[in-house]
Amino acid sequence: MARKLMAKKKRKRPKKTGVPRELERSGSLGLAFANTAAPTPDARRRGSRVVPAALTYAGLVTWLQRMGALAAADGQRLQRATAARPRDAATIVARAGELRLALLRIFTALALGKEAPAADLAVLNHALRVRHVGPQADGFAWLWDGEADELARVLWPPAQSAAELLTSGGCRRVRQCGCQGCYRLFVYQNPRRVWCDANTCGNRAKGRRYADTGRRVLRQLDYEKARDSERRIAAYRKECEERGEVAPFDREDPELGVLSDAWDEELKKAARSGSA
């Protein structure tokens, strides 16, 4: 019976969807790519989970494959192409860094209710020039221009995702994480969502709020304790004055000066018994 009760109390774990964490958290590949450059409280561990701050072509290919935006065969072909064209690959990496920062600035501005910078939109549009819509066996699809550099293919998935988010009106639901020190972006479905991830930034924000509440309570208790001590000492001094005496902790000693109730336990006991 006890085992059945314990089984009922256990919380159901969320089902694994197979979607990468940063993609599920942001809700958009373009935002996930921009978030790899966003400052976060766990920036020291960033390199193990997302694209590191120092971009490399191999890192971009691996990240896109993990996000499901690039097939394994295409990734291998691009890796072989970089070995023969290292300078061109370095140029594409530099463009990827510019695109990443441009997306971060565009959606951060929109999340804050501002206009997207024109210069950053130009960077996005430049990455979109190498694609067009063409017929396929089962309909239409995005195709590469014949003159486009194949190495630039790593720029297209995040650029296309960002463009679709901007043109679909989903950019009105882009929000910046509400946790202190985190600037990641996400598309919310629930208007009450505040954090990019409830398990990390949400717990961190709740813990900080709990600690702040505890500190406020302790400060209030210290304040009330000090006020109570002042009232007790004032009442005891008044009683001593009515008897024509001087309070023990106000008497002067030729060696120590003005005595305090911290100097002598007997004086403290007298003060407590007199003001009780």
Protein backbone atom coordinates (compact mmCIF):
# COMPACT_ATOMS: atom_id res chain seq x y z
CA MET A 1 0.00 0.00 0.00
CA ALA A 2 2.82 2.39 0.92
CA ARG A 3 4.54 1.69 -2.39
CA LYS A 4 1.36 2.56 -4.29
CA LEU A 5 1.05 5.87 -2.41
CA MET A 6 4.69 6.73 -3.13
CA ALA A 7 4.18 5.86 -6.79
CA LYS A 8 1.23 8.24 -7.00
CA LYS A 9 3.23 11.08 -5.44
CA LYS A 10 6.08 10.78 -7.95
CA ARG A 11 6.02 13.51 -10.53
CA LYS A 12 5.82 12.56 -14.14
CA ARG A 13 9.00 13.33 -16.00
CA PRO A 14 8.62 15.27 -19.24
CA LYS A 15 8.80 13.11 -22.32
CA LYS A 16 11.94 13.35 -24.39
CA THR A 17 11.07 14.89 -27.73
CA GLY A 18 14.43 14.39 -29.40
CA VAL A 19 14.66 18.14 -30.11
CA PRO A 20 17.95 19.73 -29.01
CA ARG A 21 17.61 21.66 -25.79
CA GLU A 22 18.63 25.07 -27.14
CA LEU A 23 16.29 24.69 -30.13
CA GLU A 24 13.37 23.67 -27.92
CA ARG A 25 14.17 26.49 -25.51
CA SER A 26 14.32 29.23 -28.16
CA GLY A 27 11.57 27.94 -30.46
CA SER A 28 13.45 28.97 -33.60
CA LEU A 29 16.71 27.95 -35.26
CA GLY A 30 17.52 31.60 -35.96
CA LEU A 31 17.08 32.51 -32.29
CA ALA A 32 19.04 29.46 -31.19
CA PHE A 33 21.92 30.59 -33.41
CA ALA A 34 21.70 34.15 -32.04
CA ASN A 35 21.61 32.84 -28.47
CA THR A 36 25.04 31.25 -28.90
CA ALA A 37 26.42 34.81 -28.70
CA ALA A 38 24.09 36.03 -25.94
CA PRO A 39 25.62 36.52 -22.46
CA THR A 40 24.31 33.94 -19.99
CA PRO A 41 24.96 33.12 -16.32
CA ASP A 42 26.38 29.73 -17.39
CA ALA A 43 28.69 31.16 -20.07
CA ARG A 44 31.61 29.11 -18.72
CA ARG A 45 29.86 25.91 -19.77
CA ARG A 46 28.65 27.27 -23.10
CA GLY A 47 31.33 25.60 -25.21
CA SER A 48 30.17 22.12 -24.26
CA ARG A 49 26.58 22.58 -25.44
CA VAL A 50 26.39 25.24 -28.14
CA VAL A 51 28.58 26.95 -30.71
CA PRO A 52 31.63 28.36 -28.92
CA ALA A 53 32.37 32.09 -28.99
CA ALA A 54 35.26 31.50 -31.43
CA LEU A 55 33.45 30.11 -34.49
CA THR A 56 35.01 27.50 -36.72
CA TYR A 57 33.63 26.01 -39.91
CA ALA A 58 33.73 22.50 -38.47
CA GLY A 59 31.89 23.74 -35.39
CA LEU A 60 29.18 25.34 -37.53
CA VAL A 61 28.69 22.14 -39.53
CA THR A 62 28.49 20.04 -36.36
CA TRP A 63 26.02 22.45 -34.74
CA LEU A 64 23.74 22.50 -37.79
CA GLN A 65 23.78 18.70 -37.96
CA ARG A 66 22.84 18.47 -34.28
CA MET A 67 19.99 20.95 -34.86
CA GLY A 68 18.75 18.78 -37.72
CA ALA A 69 19.31 21.56 -40.27
CA LEU A 70 22.05 19.82 -42.25
CA ALA A 71 22.22 16.24 -43.46
CA ALA A 72 25.20 14.11 -42.51
CA ALA A 73 26.22 13.57 -46.17
CA ASP A 74 26.09 17.32 -46.85
CA GLY A 75 28.17 17.98 -43.75
CA GLN A 76 30.86 15.54 -44.84
CA ARG A 77 30.98 17.09 -48.30
CA LEU A 78 31.37 20.57 -46.82
CA GLN A 79 34.12 19.37 -44.49
CA ARG A 80 36.05 17.99 -47.45
CA ALA A 81 35.58 21.25 -49.35
CA THR A 82 37.05 23.30 -46.50
CA ALA A 83 40.26 21.28 -46.64
CA ALA A 84 40.81 22.42 -50.24
CA ARG A 85 39.65 26.02 -49.66
CA PRO A 86 40.73 27.11 -46.15
CA ARG A 87 40.72 30.84 -46.99
CA ASP A 88 37.19 30.75 -48.36
CA ALA A 89 36.08 28.81 -45.30
CA ALA A 90 37.59 31.47 -43.04
CA THR A 91 35.65 34.15 -44.95
CA ILE A 92 32.40 32.23 -44.45
CA VAL A 93 33.15 31.87 -40.73
CA ALA A 94 33.62 35.63 -40.47
CA ARG A 95 30.27 36.17 -42.21
CA ALA A 96 28.65 33.68 -39.84
CA GLY A 97 29.92 35.69 -36.88
CA GLU A 98 28.47 38.88 -38.36
CA LEU A 99 25.15 37.15 -39.06
CA ARG A 100 24.97 35.77 -35.52
CA LEU A 101 25.50 39.18 -33.93
CA ALA A 102 23.09 40.80 -36.41
CA LEU A 103 20.33 38.33 -35.49
CA LEU A 104 21.00 38.89 -31.79
CA ARG A 105 20.69 42.67 -32.18
CA ILE A 106 17.61 42.45 -34.42
CA PHE A 107 15.54 40.25 -32.13
CA THR A 108 16.79 41.90 -28.95
CA ALA A 109 15.59 45.24 -30.29
CA LEU A 110 12.22 43.74 -31.22
CA ALA A 111 11.88 42.09 -27.80
CA LEU A 112 12.47 45.47 -26.16
CA GLY A 113 9.88 47.18 -28.36
CA LYS A 114 12.42 48.98 -30.57
CA GLU A 115 13.03 49.01 -34.31
CA ALA A 116 15.42 46.53 -35.86
CA PRO A 117 18.71 48.16 -36.92
CA ALA A 118 18.87 48.72 -40.67
CA ALA A 119 22.53 47.65 -40.86
CA ASP A 120 21.75 44.30 -39.24
CA LEU A 121 18.81 43.72 -41.59
CA ALA A 122 21.23 44.31 -44.48
CA VAL A 123 23.49 41.56 -43.13
CA LEU A 124 20.52 39.19 -42.98
CA ASN A 125 19.36 40.08 -46.49
CA HIS A 126 22.87 39.50 -47.84
CA ALA A 127 22.74 35.92 -46.53
CA LEU A 128 19.33 35.40 -48.17
CA ARG A 129 20.40 36.32 -51.71
CA VAL A 130 21.65 32.86 -52.56
CA ARG A 131 18.27 31.12 -52.44
CA HIS A 132 15.19 30.97 -54.61
CA VAL A 133 11.94 28.97 -54.84
CA GLY A 134 11.87 26.20 -57.43
CA PRO A 135 9.58 23.29 -58.41
CA GLN A 136 10.11 19.81 -57.04
CA ALA A 137 8.46 16.45 -57.63
CA ASP A 138 6.05 16.94 -54.75
CA GLY A 139 5.64 20.72 -54.92
CA PHE A 140 8.02 23.63 -54.36
CA ALA A 141 11.12 24.05 -52.25
CA TRP A 142 13.95 26.45 -51.54
CA LEU A 143 16.88 25.89 -53.89
CA TRP A 144 20.41 27.19 -54.09
CA ASP A 145 21.40 29.56 -56.86
CA GLY A 146 23.75 27.98 -59.34
CA GLU A 147 26.41 30.63 -58.79
CA ALA A 148 26.23 30.48 -55.00
CA ASP A 149 29.27 29.32 -53.06
CA GLU A 150 28.53 25.92 -51.55
CA LEU A 151 30.60 26.74 -48.48
CA ALA A 152 28.08 29.48 -47.64
CA ARG A 153 25.44 26.84 -47.12
CA VAL A 154 26.05 26.96 -43.37
CA LEU A 155 24.67 30.52 -43.35
CA TRP A 156 21.33 29.67 -44.91
CA PRO A 157 19.46 27.64 -42.24
CA PRO A 158 19.67 30.27 -39.47
CA ALA A 159 19.10 33.10 -41.95
CA GLN A 160 16.01 31.43 -43.43
CA SER A 161 14.63 30.66 -39.96
CA ALA A 162 15.10 34.27 -38.87
CA ALA A 163 13.47 35.57 -42.05
CA GLU A 164 10.47 33.29 -41.59
CA LEU A 165 10.12 34.42 -37.98
CA LEU A 166 10.19 38.06 -39.06
CA THR A 167 7.74 37.69 -41.94
CA SER A 168 5.27 35.39 -40.15
CA GLY A 169 4.60 37.85 -37.35
CA GLY A 170 6.14 35.53 -34.79
CA CYS A 171 8.65 38.26 -33.98
CA ARG A 172 5.91 39.90 -31.90
CA ARG A 173 6.19 36.96 -29.52
CA VAL A 174 9.96 37.16 -29.10
CA ARG A 175 10.99 37.83 -25.52
CA GLN A 176 14.24 38.19 -23.65
CA CYS A 177 14.90 36.01 -20.62
CA GLY A 178 13.87 37.68 -17.38
CA CYS A 179 16.66 36.14 -15.29
CA GLN A 180 19.37 38.54 -14.17
CA GLY A 181 22.49 38.13 -16.29
CA CYS A 182 20.79 36.10 -19.06
CA TYR A 183 20.06 37.71 -22.44
CA ARG A 184 18.85 34.69 -24.38
CA LEU A 185 15.82 35.10 -26.64
CA PHE A 186 12.84 32.82 -27.12
CA VAL A 187 9.43 32.69 -28.81
CA TYR A 188 6.75 32.25 -26.18
CA GLN A 189 3.50 30.36 -26.64
CA ASN A 190 2.30 31.13 -23.12
CA PRO A 191 2.28 34.91 -22.39
CA ARG A 192 3.16 34.13 -18.76
CA ARG A 193 6.49 32.60 -19.73
CA VAL A 194 9.31 34.76 -18.38
CA TRP A 195 12.49 32.64 -18.55
CA CYS A 196 14.24 30.97 -21.44
CA ASP A 197 14.45 27.76 -19.39
CA ALA A 198 12.48 27.11 -16.21
CA ASN A 199 14.97 24.47 -15.02
CA THR A 200 18.01 26.77 -15.18
CA CYS A 201 17.20 30.46 -15.29
CA GLY A 202 13.81 29.93 -13.65
CA ASN A 203 15.30 28.11 -10.66
CA ARG A 204 18.12 30.64 -10.47
CA ALA A 205 15.69 33.58 -10.42
CA LYS A 206 13.45 31.92 -7.84
CA GLY A 207 16.44 31.16 -5.63
CA ARG A 208 17.65 34.76 -5.87
CA ARG A 209 14.17 36.04 -5.03
CA TYR A 210 13.96 33.69 -2.03
CA ALA A 211 17.37 34.83 -0.79
CA ASP A 212 16.40 38.49 -1.20
CA THR A 213 13.22 37.87 0.78
CA GLY A 214 15.24 36.21 3.54
CA ARG A 215 17.66 39.12 3.69
CA ARG A 216 14.78 41.60 3.92
CA VAL A 217 13.26 39.62 6.77
CA LEU A 218 16.59 39.51 8.64
CA ARG A 219 17.10 43.25 8.17
CA GLN A 220 13.60 43.89 9.49
CA LEU A 221 14.25 41.66 12.51
CA ASP A 222 17.54 43.41 13.24
CA TYR A 223 15.80 46.77 12.97
CA GLU A 224 13.02 45.73 15.33
CA LYS A 225 15.55 44.25 17.76
CA ALA A 226 17.54 47.50 17.79
CA ARG A 227 14.41 49.56 18.31
CA ASP A 228 13.31 47.32 21.17
CA SER A 229 16.74 47.60 22.79
CA GLU A 230 16.63 51.39 22.51
CA ARG A 231 13.18 51.49 24.12
CA ARG A 232 14.29 49.24 26.99
CA ILE A 233 17.41 51.33 27.67
CA ALA A 234 15.44 54.60 27.51
CA ALA A 235 12.85 53.24 29.99
CA TYR A 236 15.60 52.09 32.36
CA ARG A 237 17.37 55.47 32.21
CA LYS A 238 14.08 57.22 32.97
CA GLU A 239 13.55 55.03 36.04
CA CYS A 240 17.08 55.80 37.21
CA GLU A 241 16.52 59.52 36.74
CA GLU A 242 13.30 59.36 38.78
CA ARG A 243 15.26 57.73 41.61
CA GLY A 244 18.03 60.33 41.25
CA GLU A 245 20.52 57.74 40.06
CA VAL A 246 22.71 57.31 37.01
CA ALA A 247 22.26 54.22 34.88
CA PRO A 248 25.17 51.77 35.35
CA PHE A 249 26.12 51.84 31.68
CA ASP A 250 26.24 55.69 31.80
CA ARG A 251 28.64 55.95 34.74
CA GLU A 252 32.14 57.15 34.00
CA ASP A 253 35.19 55.20 35.05
CA PRO A 254 38.51 57.03 35.37
CA GLU A 255 40.29 54.27 33.43
CA LEU A 256 37.71 53.00 30.94
CA GLY A 257 35.61 56.11 30.41
CA VAL A 258 31.87 55.60 29.85
CA LEU A 259 30.89 52.08 30.77
CA SER A 260 28.77 50.03 28.41
CA ASP A 261 26.56 47.08 29.21
CA ALA A 262 29.07 45.01 27.28
CA TRP A 263 31.81 45.60 29.89
CA ASP A 264 30.24 43.89 32.85
CA GLU A 265 27.74 41.06 33.05
CA GLU A 266 26.45 42.40 36.34
CA LEU A 267 25.59 45.75 34.75
CA LYS A 268 23.78 43.98 31.91
CA LYS A 269 21.76 41.94 34.39
CA ALA A 270 20.87 45.09 36.29
CA ALA A 271 19.75 46.80 33.08
CA ARG A 272 17.61 43.83 32.08
CA SER A 273 16.00 43.44 35.49
CA GLY A 274 15.36 47.16 35.78
CA SER A 275 13.62 47.46 32.39
CA ALA A 276 11.70 44.19 32.57
